[in-house]
Amino acid sequence: AAVSTVVVTVADAAVIVADAAVIVADVAVIAAVVVATATSSQSVKQGQCGSSHYFQRGARR
């Protein structure tokens, strides 16, 4: 029973770490879009591409 509990805890920790990594990546994408928007109108188009990619990743998760 103790061993199975440890396995579950490790699995939960792995899921939490994976979620945190996805969140960090999403924040980085958002920051890149914000920076691109503030830089120029040409970068805004690229930022929109990045935001659509962000939503696709979120839906896939």
Protein backbone atom coordinates (compact mmCIF):
# COMPACT_ATOMS: atom_id res chain seq x y z
CA ALA A 1 0.00 0.00 0.00
CA ALA A 2 2.82 2.37 0.89
CA VAL A 3 4.63 1.67 -2.38
CA SER A 4 1.55 2.33 -4.50
CA THR A 5 0.97 5.60 -2.61
CA VAL A 6 4.52 6.72 -3.42
CA VAL A 7 4.02 5.85 -7.10
CA VAL A 8 0.79 7.88 -7.21
CA THR A 9 2.53 10.82 -5.52
CA VAL A 10 5.38 10.73 -8.03
CA ALA A 11 2.90 10.56 -10.90
CA ASP A 12 0.97 13.52 -9.50
CA ALA A 13 4.19 15.48 -9.12
CA ALA A 14 5.12 14.71 -12.72
CA VAL A 15 1.73 15.98 -13.91
CA ILE A 16 2.11 19.14 -11.83
CA VAL A 17 5.58 19.77 -13.26
CA ALA A 18 4.29 19.20 -16.80
CA ASP A 19 1.40 21.61 -16.23
CA ALA A 20 3.80 24.19 -14.82
CA ALA A 21 6.03 23.83 -17.87
CA VAL A 22 3.04 24.36 -20.18
CA ILE A 23 1.98 27.42 -18.18
CA VAL A 24 5.48 28.88 -18.38
CA ALA A 25 5.56 28.26 -22.13
CA ASP A 26 2.12 29.86 -22.54
CA VAL A 27 3.21 32.92 -20.55
CA ALA A 28 6.31 33.18 -22.73
CA VAL A 29 4.13 33.09 -25.86
CA ILE A 30 1.83 35.76 -24.45
CA ALA A 31 4.82 37.93 -23.54
CA ALA A 32 6.22 37.50 -27.05
CA VAL A 33 2.87 38.54 -28.55
CA VAL A 34 2.71 41.59 -26.29
CA VAL A 35 6.27 42.59 -27.19
CA ALA A 36 5.58 42.06 -30.89
CA THR A 37 2.40 44.14 -30.66
CA ALA A 38 4.29 46.97 -28.96
CA THR A 39 7.15 46.80 -31.46
CA SER A 40 5.46 47.38 -34.83
CA SER A 41 2.40 46.65 -36.94
CA GLN A 42 4.43 44.10 -38.93
CA SER A 43 5.18 42.21 -35.73
CA VAL A 44 1.51 42.27 -34.79
CA LYS A 45 0.72 39.91 -37.67
CA GLN A 46 3.38 37.50 -36.41
CA GLY A 47 2.00 37.89 -32.89
CA GLN A 48 -1.47 36.91 -34.06
CA CYS A 49 0.01 33.76 -35.57
CA GLY A 50 1.64 33.04 -32.23
CA SER A 51 -1.59 33.60 -30.31
CA SER A 52 -3.52 31.21 -32.57
CA HIS A 53 -0.78 28.64 -32.01
CA TYR A 54 -1.17 29.24 -28.28
CA PHE A 55 -4.89 28.52 -28.38
CA GLN A 56 -4.31 25.37 -30.43
CA ARG A 57 -1.85 24.11 -27.81
CA GLY A 58 -4.29 24.94 -25.04
CA ALA A 59 -7.10 23.04 -26.75
CA ARG A 60 -4.85 20.05 -27.42
CA ARG A 61 -3.93 19.92 -23.73
